[in-house]
Amino acid sequence: MTQSYAFASMRIRMMERQILSESVWKRLLTSRDLAEALAILRESRYGALLEGQGQEGKDFDQILQEELARQADQVQDLIEDAPVRAFLFHAYDLHNLKMLIKSELAESPEE
């Protein structure tokens, strides 16, 4: 765990540089199919994550989940206070809970 705000701030700024740019997002949104979208992502920092992935992208969701978990671990390592760490990730917990409820409602037979 990091004791220094300056160090944590620097690490986050370094991570921000790896975020997809607006132009990459626009290209992704206008891609014709999954193969084209994967080709665009391979040009970014996500290229290394997609190694071994064919054009069909079968494991794409799993790769994104693993990357999200890895980034969350990096952020958690920067924050000493457990309550602050928990607060930062409540939004994800609430989103996941909402998705579970929606999924259950969609699967339940209508009366």
PDB file of N, CA and C in Angstrom:
ATOM      1  N   MET A   1       0.806  -1.190   0.000  1.00  0.00           N
ATOM      2  CA  MET A   1       0.000   0.000   0.000  1.00  0.00           C
ATOM      3  C   MET A   1       0.851   1.256   0.000  1.00  0.00           C
ATOM      4  N   THR A   2       0.408   2.229  -0.682  1.00  0.00           N
ATOM      5  CA  THR A   2       1.168   3.456  -0.860  1.00  0.00           C
ATOM      6  C   THR A   2       0.881   4.428   0.275  1.00  0.00           C
ATOM      7  N   GLN A   3       1.927   5.044   0.771  1.00  0.00           N
ATOM      8  CA  GLN A   3       1.791   6.049   1.816  1.00  0.00           C
ATOM      9  C   GLN A   3       1.750   7.453   1.231  1.00  0.00           C
ATOM     10  N   SER A   4       2.225   7.636   0.014  1.00  0.00           N
ATOM     11  CA  SER A   4       2.434   8.948  -0.555  1.00  0.00           C
ATOM     12  C   SER A   4       1.333   9.331  -1.539  1.00  0.00           C
ATOM     13  N   TYR A   5       0.705  10.470  -1.278  1.00  0.00           N
ATOM     14  CA  TYR A   5      -0.307  10.989  -2.201  1.00  0.00           C
ATOM     15  C   TYR A   5       0.329  11.303  -3.546  1.00  0.00           C
ATOM     16  N   ALA A   6       1.535  11.857  -3.535  1.00  0.00           N
ATOM     17  CA  ALA A   6       2.214  12.222  -4.778  1.00  0.00           C
ATOM     18  C   ALA A   6       2.463  10.974  -5.638  1.00  0.00           C
ATOM     19  N   PHE A   7       2.878   9.876  -4.999  1.00  0.00           N
ATOM     20  CA  PHE A   7       3.124   8.636  -5.734  1.00  0.00           C
ATOM     21  C   PHE A   7       1.820   8.098  -6.323  1.00  0.00           C
ATOM     22  N   ALA A   8       0.757   8.094  -5.520  1.00  0.00           N
ATOM     23  CA  ALA A   8      -0.540   7.606  -5.999  1.00  0.00           C
ATOM     24  C   ALA A   8      -1.037   8.463  -7.155  1.00  0.00           C
ATOM     25  N   SER A   9      -0.892   9.771  -7.030  1.00  0.00           N
ATOM     26  CA  SER A   9      -1.320  10.683  -8.080  1.00  0.00           C
ATOM     27  C   SER A   9      -0.544  10.425  -9.373  1.00  0.00           C
ATOM     28  N   MET A  10       0.761  10.202  -9.262  1.00  0.00           N
ATOM     29  CA  MET A  10       1.579   9.924 -10.433  1.00  0.00           C
ATOM     30  C   MET A  10       1.152   8.611 -11.092  1.00  0.00           C
ATOM     31  N   ARG A  11       0.899   7.585 -10.292  1.00  0.00           N
ATOM     32  CA  ARG A  11       0.480   6.292 -10.850  1.00  0.00           C
ATOM     33  C   ARG A  11      -0.843   6.423 -11.596  1.00  0.00           C
ATOM     34  N   ILE A  12      -1.777   7.168 -11.023  1.00  0.00           N
ATOM     35  CA  ILE A  12      -3.074   7.350 -11.678  1.00  0.00           C
ATOM     36  C   ILE A  12      -2.911   8.134 -12.969  1.00  0.00           C
ATOM     37  N   ARG A  13      -2.062   9.153 -12.965  1.00  0.00           N
ATOM     38  CA  ARG A  13      -1.817   9.912 -14.200  1.00  0.00           C
ATOM     39  C   ARG A  13      -1.204   9.023 -15.282  1.00  0.00           C
ATOM     40  N   MET A  14      -0.354   8.100 -14.888  1.00  0.00           N
ATOM     41  CA  MET A  14       0.227   7.167 -15.853  1.00  0.00           C
ATOM     42  C   MET A  14      -0.843   6.237 -16.410  1.00  0.00           C
ATOM     43  N   MET A  15      -1.759   5.796 -15.547  1.00  0.00           N
ATOM     44  CA  MET A  15      -2.851   4.933 -16.002  1.00  0.00           C
ATOM     45  C   MET A  15      -3.786   5.688 -16.935  1.00  0.00           C
ATOM     46  N   GLU A  16      -4.003   6.973 -16.658  1.00  0.00           N
ATOM     47  CA  GLU A  16      -4.889   7.778 -17.505  1.00  0.00           C
ATOM     48  C   GLU A  16      -4.373   7.865 -18.933  1.00  0.00           C
ATOM     49  N   ARG A  17      -3.067   7.835 -19.124  1.00  0.00           N
ATOM     50  CA  ARG A  17      -2.489   7.906 -20.467  1.00  0.00           C
ATOM     51  C   ARG A  17      -2.833   6.666 -21.294  1.00  0.00           C
ATOM     52  N   GLN A  18      -3.191   5.596 -20.622  1.00  0.00           N
ATOM     53  CA  GLN A  18      -3.504   4.354 -21.318  1.00  0.00           C
ATOM     54  C   GLN A  18      -4.987   4.248 -21.686  1.00  0.00           C
ATOM     55  N   ILE A  19      -5.780   5.202 -21.256  1.00  0.00           N
ATOM     56  CA  ILE A  19      -7.204   5.193 -21.577  1.00  0.00           C
ATOM     57  C   ILE A  19      -7.377   5.423 -23.071  1.00  0.00           C
ATOM     58  N   LEU A  20      -8.354   4.767 -23.652  1.00  0.00           N
ATOM     59  CA  LEU A  20      -8.608   4.938 -25.086  1.00  0.00           C
ATOM     60  C   LEU A  20      -8.984   6.386 -25.382  1.00  0.00           C
ATOM     61  N   SER A  21      -8.418   6.910 -26.435  1.00  0.00           N
ATOM     62  CA  SER A  21      -8.694   8.293 -26.811  1.00  0.00           C
ATOM     63  C   SER A  21     -10.083   8.408 -27.445  1.00  0.00           C
ATOM     64  N   GLU A  22     -10.529   9.642 -27.573  1.00  0.00           N
ATOM     65  CA  GLU A  22     -11.836   9.892 -28.186  1.00  0.00           C
ATOM     66  C   GLU A  22     -11.880   9.380 -29.624  1.00  0.00           C
ATOM     67  N   SER A  23     -10.778   9.552 -30.349  1.00  0.00           N
ATOM     68  CA  SER A  23     -10.760   9.100 -31.743  1.00  0.00           C
ATOM     69  C   SER A  23     -10.873   7.576 -31.843  1.00  0.00           C
ATOM     70  N   VAL A  24     -10.247   6.865 -30.904  1.00  0.00           N
ATOM     71  CA  VAL A  24     -10.360   5.395 -30.911  1.00  0.00           C
ATOM     72  C   VAL A  24     -11.786   4.986 -30.604  1.00  0.00           C
ATOM     73  N   TRP A  25     -12.414   5.654 -29.634  1.00  0.00           N
ATOM     74  CA  TRP A  25     -13.820   5.346 -29.309  1.00  0.00           C
ATOM     75  C   TRP A  25     -14.721   5.572 -30.521  1.00  0.00           C
ATOM     76  N   LYS A  26     -14.491   6.673 -31.231  1.00  0.00           N
ATOM     77  CA  LYS A  26     -15.308   6.955 -32.423  1.00  0.00           C
ATOM     78  C   LYS A  26     -15.118   5.870 -33.476  1.00  0.00           C
ATOM     79  N   ARG A  27     -13.869   5.439 -33.660  1.00  0.00           N
ATOM     80  CA  ARG A  27     -13.619   4.358 -34.614  1.00  0.00           C
ATOM     81  C   ARG A  27     -14.318   3.072 -34.177  1.00  0.00           C
ATOM     82  N   LEU A  28     -14.281   2.779 -32.878  1.00  0.00           N
ATOM     83  CA  LEU A  28     -14.957   1.581 -32.378  1.00  0.00           C
ATOM     84  C   LEU A  28     -16.463   1.661 -32.621  1.00  0.00           C
ATOM     85  N   LEU A  29     -17.034   2.833 -32.363  1.00  0.00           N
ATOM     86  CA  LEU A  29     -18.482   3.001 -32.527  1.00  0.00           C
ATOM     87  C   LEU A  29     -18.921   2.884 -33.981  1.00  0.00           C
ATOM     88  N   THR A  30     -18.029   3.220 -34.893  1.00  0.00           N
ATOM     89  CA  THR A  30     -18.389   3.160 -36.308  1.00  0.00           C
ATOM     90  C   THR A  30     -17.882   1.889 -36.990  1.00  0.00           C
ATOM     91  N   SER A  31     -17.277   0.987 -36.211  1.00  0.00           N
ATOM     92  CA  SER A  31     -16.789  -0.255 -36.825  1.00  0.00           C
ATOM     93  C   SER A  31     -17.975  -1.072 -37.336  1.00  0.00           C
ATOM     94  N   ARG A  32     -17.744  -1.768 -38.446  1.00  0.00           N
ATOM     95  CA  ARG A  32     -18.811  -2.517 -39.110  1.00  0.00           C
ATOM     96  C   ARG A  32     -19.165  -3.810 -38.393  1.00  0.00           C
ATOM     97  N   ASP A  33     -18.171  -4.438 -37.756  1.00  0.00           N
ATOM     98  CA  ASP A  33     -18.420  -5.724 -37.119  1.00  0.00           C
ATOM     99  C   ASP A  33     -17.389  -5.955 -36.011  1.00  0.00           C
ATOM    100  N   LEU A  34     -17.521  -7.098 -35.357  1.00  0.00           N
ATOM    101  CA  LEU A  34     -16.626  -7.416 -34.242  1.00  0.00           C
ATOM    102  C   LEU A  34     -15.183  -7.528 -34.698  1.00  0.00           C
ATOM    103  N   ALA A  35     -14.946  -8.120 -35.849  1.00  0.00           N
ATOM    104  CA  ALA A  35     -13.578  -8.283 -36.349  1.00  0.00           C
ATOM    105  C   ALA A  35     -12.898  -6.928 -36.513  1.00  0.00           C
ATOM    106  N   GLU A  36     -13.625  -5.952 -37.051  1.00  0.00           N
ATOM    107  CA  GLU A  36     -13.049  -4.611 -37.223  1.00  0.00           C
ATOM    108  C   GLU A  36     -12.803  -3.945 -35.873  1.00  0.00           C
ATOM    109  N   ALA A  37     -13.733  -4.108 -34.936  1.00  0.00           N
ATOM    110  CA  ALA A  37     -13.561  -3.533 -33.602  1.00  0.00           C
ATOM    111  C   ALA A  37     -12.354  -4.146 -32.902  1.00  0.00           C
ATOM    112  N   LEU A  38     -12.183  -5.460 -33.032  1.00  0.00           N
ATOM    113  CA  LEU A  38     -11.025  -6.117 -32.422  1.00  0.00           C
ATOM    114  C   LEU A  38      -9.727  -5.632 -33.056  1.00  0.00           C
ATOM    115  N   ALA A  39      -9.736  -5.397 -34.369  1.00  0.00           N
ATOM    116  CA  ALA A  39      -8.543  -4.875 -35.047  1.00  0.00           C
ATOM    117  C   ALA A  39      -8.178  -3.494 -34.503  1.00  0.00           C
ATOM    118  N   ILE A  40      -9.176  -2.673 -34.259  1.00  0.00           N
ATOM    119  CA  ILE A  40      -8.934  -1.334 -33.694  1.00  0.00           C
ATOM    120  C   ILE A  40      -8.356  -1.459 -32.291  1.00  0.00           C
ATOM    121  N   LEU A  41      -8.926  -2.350 -31.478  1.00  0.00           N
ATOM    122  CA  LEU A  41      -8.426  -2.542 -30.115  1.00  0.00           C
ATOM    123  C   LEU A  41      -7.007  -3.101 -30.113  1.00  0.00           C
ATOM    124  N   ARG A  42      -6.675  -3.916 -31.101  1.00  0.00           N
ATOM    125  CA  ARG A  42      -5.318  -4.469 -31.182  1.00  0.00           C
ATOM    126  C   ARG A  42      -4.281  -3.372 -31.427  1.00  0.00           C
ATOM    127  N   GLU A  43      -4.689  -2.244 -31.975  1.00  0.00           N
ATOM    128  CA  GLU A  43      -3.778  -1.117 -32.196  1.00  0.00           C
ATOM    129  C   GLU A  43      -3.527  -0.336 -30.907  1.00  0.00           C
ATOM    130  N   SER A  44      -4.329  -0.577 -29.889  1.00  0.00           N
ATOM    131  CA  SER A  44      -4.228   0.156 -28.626  1.00  0.00           C
ATOM    132  C   SER A  44      -3.472  -0.686 -27.598  1.00  0.00           C
ATOM    133  N   ARG A  45      -3.446  -0.229 -26.365  1.00  0.00           N
ATOM    134  CA  ARG A  45      -2.798  -0.977 -25.288  1.00  0.00           C
ATOM    135  C   ARG A  45      -3.481  -2.312 -25.043  1.00  0.00           C
ATOM    136  N   TYR A  46      -4.696  -2.472 -25.534  1.00  0.00           N
ATOM    137  CA  TYR A  46      -5.424  -3.724 -25.345  1.00  0.00           C
ATOM    138  C   TYR A  46      -4.955  -4.808 -26.304  1.00  0.00           C
ATOM    139  N   GLY A  47      -4.089  -4.454 -27.235  1.00  0.00           N
ATOM    140  CA  GLY A  47      -3.569  -5.434 -28.185  1.00  0.00           C
ATOM    141  C   GLY A  47      -2.913  -6.616 -27.500  1.00  0.00           C
ATOM    142  N   ALA A  48      -2.128  -6.344 -26.465  1.00  0.00           N
ATOM    143  CA  ALA A  48      -1.448  -7.427 -25.748  1.00  0.00           C
ATOM    144  C   ALA A  48      -2.454  -8.360 -25.073  1.00  0.00           C
ATOM    145  N   LEU A  49      -3.562  -7.804 -24.607  1.00  0.00           N
ATOM    146  CA  LEU A  49      -4.585  -8.630 -23.956  1.00  0.00           C
ATOM    147  C   LEU A  49      -5.300  -9.531 -24.957  1.00  0.00           C
ATOM    148  N   LEU A  50      -5.360  -9.090 -26.196  1.00  0.00           N
ATOM    149  CA  LEU A  50      -6.108  -9.816 -27.218  1.00  0.00           C
ATOM    150  C   LEU A  50      -5.257 -10.832 -27.982  1.00  0.00           C
ATOM    151  N   GLU A  51      -3.982 -10.979 -27.592  1.00  0.00           N
ATOM    152  CA  GLU A  51      -3.130 -11.955 -28.267  1.00  0.00           C
ATOM    153  C   GLU A  51      -3.763 -13.332 -28.170  1.00  0.00           C
ATOM    154  N   GLY A  52      -3.744 -14.059 -29.273  1.00  0.00           N
ATOM    155  CA  GLY A  52      -4.316 -15.394 -29.296  1.00  0.00           C
ATOM    156  C   GLY A  52      -5.806 -15.412 -29.558  1.00  0.00           C
ATOM    157  N   GLN A  53      -6.421 -14.238 -29.589  1.00  0.00           N
ATOM    158  CA  GLN A  53      -7.848 -14.145 -29.890  1.00  0.00           C
ATOM    159  C   GLN A  53      -8.039 -14.168 -31.395  1.00  0.00           C
ATOM    160  N   GLY A  54      -8.907 -14.986 -31.858  1.00  0.00           N
ATOM    161  CA  GLY A  54      -9.240 -14.991 -33.270  1.00  0.00           C
ATOM    162  C   GLY A  54     -10.141 -13.818 -33.604  1.00  0.00           C
ATOM    163  N   GLN A  55     -10.610 -13.772 -34.818  1.00  0.00           N
ATOM    164  CA  GLN A  55     -11.492 -12.694 -35.251  1.00  0.00           C
ATOM    165  C   GLN A  55     -12.865 -12.780 -34.603  1.00  0.00           C
ATOM    166  N   GLU A  56     -13.213 -13.949 -34.071  1.00  0.00           N
ATOM    167  CA  GLU A  56     -14.554 -14.092 -33.491  1.00  0.00           C
ATOM    168  C   GLU A  56     -14.650 -13.511 -32.085  1.00  0.00           C
ATOM    169  N   GLY A  57     -13.524 -13.356 -31.387  1.00  0.00           N
ATOM    170  CA  GLY A  57     -13.522 -12.718 -30.070  1.00  0.00           C
ATOM    171  C   GLY A  57     -14.341 -13.447 -29.030  1.00  0.00           C
ATOM    172  N   LYS A  58     -14.279 -14.783 -29.024  1.00  0.00           N
ATOM    173  CA  LYS A  58     -15.116 -15.570 -28.108  1.00  0.00           C
ATOM    174  C   LYS A  58     -14.863 -15.255 -26.643  1.00  0.00           C
ATOM    175  N   ASP A  59     -13.617 -14.991 -26.281  1.00  0.00           N
ATOM    176  CA  ASP A  59     -13.267 -14.748 -24.881  1.00  0.00           C
ATOM    177  C   ASP A  59     -13.169 -13.266 -24.550  1.00  0.00           C
ATOM    178  N   PHE A  60     -13.712 -12.430 -25.404  1.00  0.00           N
ATOM    179  CA  PHE A  60     -13.565 -10.984 -25.254  1.00  0.00           C
ATOM    180  C   PHE A  60     -14.132 -10.487 -23.928  1.00  0.00           C
ATOM    181  N   ASP A  61     -15.324 -10.935 -23.556  1.00  0.00           N
ATOM    182  CA  ASP A  61     -15.919 -10.503 -22.288  1.00  0.00           C
ATOM    183  C   ASP A  61     -15.049 -10.921 -21.104  1.00  0.00           C
ATOM    184  N   GLN A  62     -14.503 -12.119 -21.156  1.00  0.00           N
ATOM    185  CA  GLN A  62     -13.638 -12.599 -20.080  1.00  0.00           C
ATOM    186  C   GLN A  62     -12.378 -11.752 -19.977  1.00  0.00           C
ATOM    187  N   ILE A  63     -11.809 -11.391 -21.118  1.00  0.00           N
ATOM    188  CA  ILE A  63     -10.605 -10.554 -21.131  1.00  0.00           C
ATOM    189  C   ILE A  63     -10.902  -9.197 -20.499  1.00  0.00           C
ATOM    190  N   LEU A  64     -12.042  -8.608 -20.850  1.00  0.00           N
ATOM    191  CA  LEU A  64     -12.408  -7.305 -20.271  1.00  0.00           C
ATOM    192  C   LEU A  64     -12.646  -7.407 -18.772  1.00  0.00           C
ATOM    193  N   GLN A  65     -13.270  -8.487 -18.310  1.00  0.00           N
ATOM    194  CA  GLN A  65     -13.494  -8.683 -16.873  1.00  0.00           C
ATOM    195  C   GLN A  65     -12.161  -8.800 -16.132  1.00  0.00           C
ATOM    196  N   GLU A  66     -11.228  -9.550 -16.695  1.00  0.00           N
ATOM    197  CA  GLU A  66      -9.915  -9.705 -16.066  1.00  0.00           C
ATOM    198  C   GLU A  66      -9.167  -8.377 -16.010  1.00  0.00           C
ATOM    199  N   GLU A  67      -9.258  -7.599 -17.077  1.00  0.00           N
ATOM    200  CA  GLU A  67      -8.589  -6.297 -17.106  1.00  0.00           C
ATOM    201  C   GLU A  67      -9.226  -5.339 -16.099  1.00  0.00           C
ATOM    202  N   LEU A  68     -10.535  -5.359 -15.993  1.00  0.00           N
ATOM    203  CA  LEU A  68     -11.216  -4.516 -15.011  1.00  0.00           C
ATOM    204  C   LEU A  68     -10.784  -4.885 -13.596  1.00  0.00           C
ATOM    205  N   ALA A  69     -10.693  -6.172 -13.312  1.00  0.00           N
ATOM    206  CA  ALA A  69     -10.254  -6.629 -11.986  1.00  0.00           C
ATOM    207  C   ALA A  69      -8.809  -6.212 -11.722  1.00  0.00           C
ATOM    208  N   ARG A  70      -7.950  -6.314 -12.740  1.00  0.00           N
ATOM    209  CA  ARG A  70      -6.552  -5.926 -12.585  1.00  0.00           C
ATOM    210  C   ARG A  70      -6.426  -4.431 -12.280  1.00  0.00           C
ATOM    211  N   GLN A  71      -7.195  -3.618 -12.993  1.00  0.00           N
ATOM    212  CA  GLN A  71      -7.144  -2.177 -12.758  1.00  0.00           C
ATOM    213  C   GLN A  71      -7.724  -1.819 -11.394  1.00  0.00           C
ATOM    214  N   ALA A  72      -8.772  -2.505 -10.981  1.00  0.00           N
ATOM    215  CA  ALA A  72      -9.347  -2.256  -9.663  1.00  0.00           C
ATOM    216  C   ALA A  72      -8.330  -2.594  -8.572  1.00  0.00           C
ATOM    217  N   ASP A  73      -7.592  -3.677  -8.740  1.00  0.00           N
ATOM    218  CA  ASP A  73      -6.550  -4.035  -7.773  1.00  0.00           C
ATOM    219  C   ASP A  73      -5.483  -2.953  -7.696  1.00  0.00           C
ATOM    220  N   GLN A  74      -5.113  -2.393  -8.837  1.00  0.00           N
ATOM    221  CA  GLN A  74      -4.107  -1.327  -8.847  1.00  0.00           C
ATOM    222  C   GLN A  74      -4.596  -0.112  -8.073  1.00  0.00           C
ATOM    223  N   VAL A  75      -5.844   0.253  -8.262  1.00  0.00           N
ATOM    224  CA  VAL A  75      -6.398   1.411  -7.548  1.00  0.00           C
ATOM    225  C   VAL A  75      -6.489   1.106  -6.058  1.00  0.00           C
ATOM    226  N   GLN A  76      -6.923  -0.087  -5.713  1.00  0.00           N
ATOM    227  CA  GLN A  76      -7.033  -0.439  -4.295  1.00  0.00           C
ATOM    228  C   GLN A  76      -5.677  -0.388  -3.599  1.00  0.00           C
ATOM    229  N   ASP A  77      -4.620  -0.767  -4.311  1.00  0.00           N
ATOM    230  CA  ASP A  77      -3.280  -0.720  -3.726  1.00  0.00           C
ATOM    231  C   ASP A  77      -2.837   0.700  -3.411  1.00  0.00           C
ATOM    232  N   LEU A  78      -3.429   1.679  -4.071  1.00  0.00           N
ATOM    233  CA  LEU A  78      -3.048   3.075  -3.866  1.00  0.00           C
ATOM    234  C   LEU A  78      -3.779   3.734  -2.698  1.00  0.00           C
ATOM    235  N   ILE A  79      -4.824   3.091  -2.184  1.00  0.00           N
ATOM    236  CA  ILE A  79      -5.664   3.715  -1.162  1.00  0.00           C
ATOM    237  C   ILE A  79      -5.529   2.954   0.144  1.00  0.00           C
ATOM    238  N   GLU A  80      -5.078   3.641   1.176  1.00  0.00           N
ATOM    239  CA  GLU A  80      -4.857   3.000   2.467  1.00  0.00           C
ATOM    240  C   GLU A  80      -6.142   2.794   3.256  1.00  0.00           C
ATOM    241  N   ASP A  81      -7.023   3.779   3.232  1.00  0.00           N
ATOM    242  CA  ASP A  81      -8.214   3.726   4.079  1.00  0.00           C
ATOM    243  C   ASP A  81      -9.251   2.768   3.512  1.00  0.00           C
ATOM    244  N   ALA A  82      -9.574   1.740   4.287  1.00  0.00           N
ATOM    245  CA  ALA A  82     -10.550   0.736   3.841  1.00  0.00           C
ATOM    246  C   ALA A  82     -11.910   1.355   3.534  1.00  0.00           C
ATOM    247  N   PRO A  83     -12.419   2.290   4.344  1.00  0.00           N
ATOM    248  CA  PRO A  83     -13.720   2.880   4.013  1.00  0.00           C
ATOM    249  C   PRO A  83     -13.710   3.640   2.681  1.00  0.00           C
ATOM    250  N   VAL A  84     -12.623   4.320   2.373  1.00  0.00           N
ATOM    251  CA  VAL A  84     -12.519   5.049   1.110  1.00  0.00           C
ATOM    252  C   VAL A  84     -12.481   4.048  -0.041  1.00  0.00           C
ATOM    253  N   ARG A  85     -11.694   2.966   0.119  1.00  0.00           N
ATOM    254  CA  ARG A  85     -11.643   1.918  -0.913  1.00  0.00           C
ATOM    255  C   ARG A  85     -13.025   1.341  -1.159  1.00  0.00           C
ATOM    256  N   ALA A  86     -13.734   1.030  -0.087  1.00  0.00           N
ATOM    257  CA  ALA A  86     -15.076   0.450  -0.223  1.00  0.00           C
ATOM    258  C   ALA A  86     -16.013   1.428  -0.919  1.00  0.00           C
ATOM    259  N   PHE A  87     -15.935   2.703  -0.573  1.00  0.00           N
ATOM    260  CA  PHE A  87     -16.795   3.715  -1.181  1.00  0.00           C
ATOM    261  C   PHE A  87     -16.578   3.798  -2.685  1.00  0.00           C
ATOM    262  N   LEU A  88     -15.317   3.756  -3.116  1.00  0.00           N
ATOM    263  CA  LEU A  88     -15.004   3.869  -4.545  1.00  0.00           C
ATOM    264  C   LEU A  88     -15.626   2.753  -5.369  1.00  0.00           C
ATOM    265  N   PHE A  89     -15.778   1.590  -4.776  1.00  0.00           N
ATOM    266  CA  PHE A  89     -16.260   0.445  -5.535  1.00  0.00           C
ATOM    267  C   PHE A  89     -17.741   0.151  -5.317  1.00  0.00           C
ATOM    268  N   HIS A  90     -18.427   0.956  -4.517  1.00  0.00           N
ATOM    269  CA  HIS A  90     -19.876   0.766  -4.336  1.00  0.00           C
ATOM    270  C   HIS A  90     -20.645   0.967  -5.630  1.00  0.00           C
ATOM    271  N   ALA A  91     -20.194   1.880  -6.449  1.00  0.00           N
ATOM    272  CA  ALA A  91     -20.900   2.119  -7.714  1.00  0.00           C
ATOM    273  C   ALA A  91     -20.916   0.850  -8.559  1.00  0.00           C
ATOM    274  N   TYR A  92     -19.808   0.135  -8.585  1.00  0.00           N
ATOM    275  CA  TYR A  92     -19.752  -1.124  -9.342  1.00  0.00           C
ATOM    276  C   TYR A  92     -20.667  -2.171  -8.716  1.00  0.00           C
ATOM    277  N   ASP A  93     -20.666  -2.218  -7.377  1.00  0.00           N
ATOM    278  CA  ASP A  93     -21.526  -3.184  -6.692  1.00  0.00           C
ATOM    279  C   ASP A  93     -22.992  -2.910  -6.992  1.00  0.00           C
ATOM    280  N   LEU A  94     -23.374  -1.641  -6.950  1.00  0.00           N
ATOM    281  CA  LEU A  94     -24.767  -1.285  -7.237  1.00  0.00           C
ATOM    282  C   LEU A  94     -25.129  -1.588  -8.690  1.00  0.00           C
ATOM    283  N   HIS A  95     -24.220  -1.308  -9.606  1.00  0.00           N
ATOM    284  CA  HIS A  95     -24.465  -1.607 -11.014  1.00  0.00           C
ATOM    285  C   HIS A  95     -24.651  -3.114 -11.207  1.00  0.00           C
ATOM    286  N   ASN A  96     -23.772  -3.913 -10.608  1.00  0.00           N
ATOM    287  CA  ASN A  96     -23.869  -5.363 -10.747  1.00  0.00           C
ATOM    288  C   ASN A  96     -25.167  -5.890 -10.140  1.00  0.00           C
ATOM    289  N   LEU A  97     -25.566  -5.344  -9.009  1.00  0.00           N
ATOM    290  CA  LEU A  97     -26.821  -5.757  -8.385  1.00  0.00           C
ATOM    291  C   LEU A  97     -28.003  -5.419  -9.284  1.00  0.00           C
ATOM    292  N   LYS A  98     -27.992  -4.229  -9.866  1.00  0.00           N
ATOM    293  CA  LYS A  98     -29.060  -3.820 -10.775  1.00  0.00           C
ATOM    294  C   LYS A  98     -29.134  -4.753 -11.986  1.00  0.00           C
ATOM    295  N   MET A  99     -27.977  -5.136 -12.524  1.00  0.00           N
ATOM    296  CA  MET A  99     -27.949  -6.042 -13.673  1.00  0.00           C
ATOM    297  C   MET A  99     -28.489  -7.423 -13.298  1.00  0.00           C
ATOM    298  N   LEU A 100     -28.174  -7.894 -12.100  1.00  0.00           N
ATOM    299  CA  LEU A 100     -28.698  -9.185 -11.647  1.00  0.00           C
ATOM    300  C   LEU A 100     -30.214  -9.147 -11.517  1.00  0.00           C
ATOM    301  N   ILE A 101     -30.734  -8.065 -10.958  1.00  0.00           N
ATOM    302  CA  ILE A 101     -32.185  -7.927 -10.801  1.00  0.00           C
ATOM    303  C   ILE A 101     -32.853  -7.875 -12.171  1.00  0.00           C
ATOM    304  N   LYS A 102     -32.302  -7.097 -13.095  1.00  0.00           N
ATOM    305  CA  LYS A 102     -32.867  -7.011 -14.444  1.00  0.00           C
ATOM    306  C   LYS A 102     -32.851  -8.375 -15.127  1.00  0.00           C
ATOM    307  N   SER A 103     -31.760  -9.093 -14.947  1.00  0.00           N
ATOM    308  CA  SER A 103     -31.639 -10.422 -15.556  1.00  0.00           C
ATOM    309  C   SER A 103     -32.703 -11.371 -14.996  1.00  0.00           C
ATOM    310  N   GLU A 104     -32.892 -11.332 -13.699  1.00  0.00           N
ATOM    311  CA  GLU A 104     -33.905 -12.195 -13.073  1.00  0.00           C
ATOM    312  C   GLU A 104     -35.303 -11.822 -13.531  1.00  0.00           C
ATOM    313  N   LEU A 105     -35.574 -10.535 -13.623  1.00  0.00           N
ATOM    314  CA  LEU A 105     -36.900 -10.099 -14.083  1.00  0.00           C
ATOM    315  C   LEU A 105     -37.146 -10.475 -15.527  1.00  0.00           C
ATOM    316  N   ALA A 106     -36.112 -10.405 -16.354  1.00  0.00           N
ATOM    317  CA  ALA A 106     -36.259 -10.746 -17.765  1.00  0.00           C
ATOM    318  C   ALA A 106     -36.480 -12.235 -17.955  1.00  0.00           C
ATOM    319  N   GLU A 107     -35.899 -13.066 -17.078  1.00  0.00           N
ATOM    320  CA  GLU A 107     -36.026 -14.504 -17.197  1.00  0.00           C
ATOM    321  C   GLU A 107     -37.302 -15.048 -16.578  1.00  0.00           C
ATOM    322  N   SER A 108     -37.868 -14.308 -15.638  1.00  0.00           N
ATOM    323  CA  SER A 108     -39.077 -14.814 -14.963  1.00  0.00           C
ATOM    324  C   SER A 108     -40.269 -14.761 -15.904  1.00  0.00           C
ATOM    325  N   PRO A 109     -41.108 -15.801 -15.881  1.00  0.00           N
ATOM    326  CA  PRO A 109     -42.308 -15.812 -16.768  1.00  0.00           C
ATOM    327  C   PRO A 109     -43.296 -14.715 -16.340  1.00  0.00           C
ATOM    328  N   GLU A 110     -43.890 -14.104 -17.337  1.00  0.00           N
ATOM    329  CA  GLU A 110     -44.866 -13.064 -17.036  1.00  0.00           C
ATOM    330  C   GLU A 110     -46.157 -13.701 -16.545  1.00  0.00           C
ATOM    331  N   GLU A 111     -46.782 -13.032 -15.627  1.00  0.00           N
ATOM    332  CA  GLU A 111     -48.039 -13.559 -15.079  1.00  0.00           C
ATOM    333  C   GLU A 111     -49.230 -12.954 -15.731  1.00  0.00           C
TER     334      GLU A 111
END
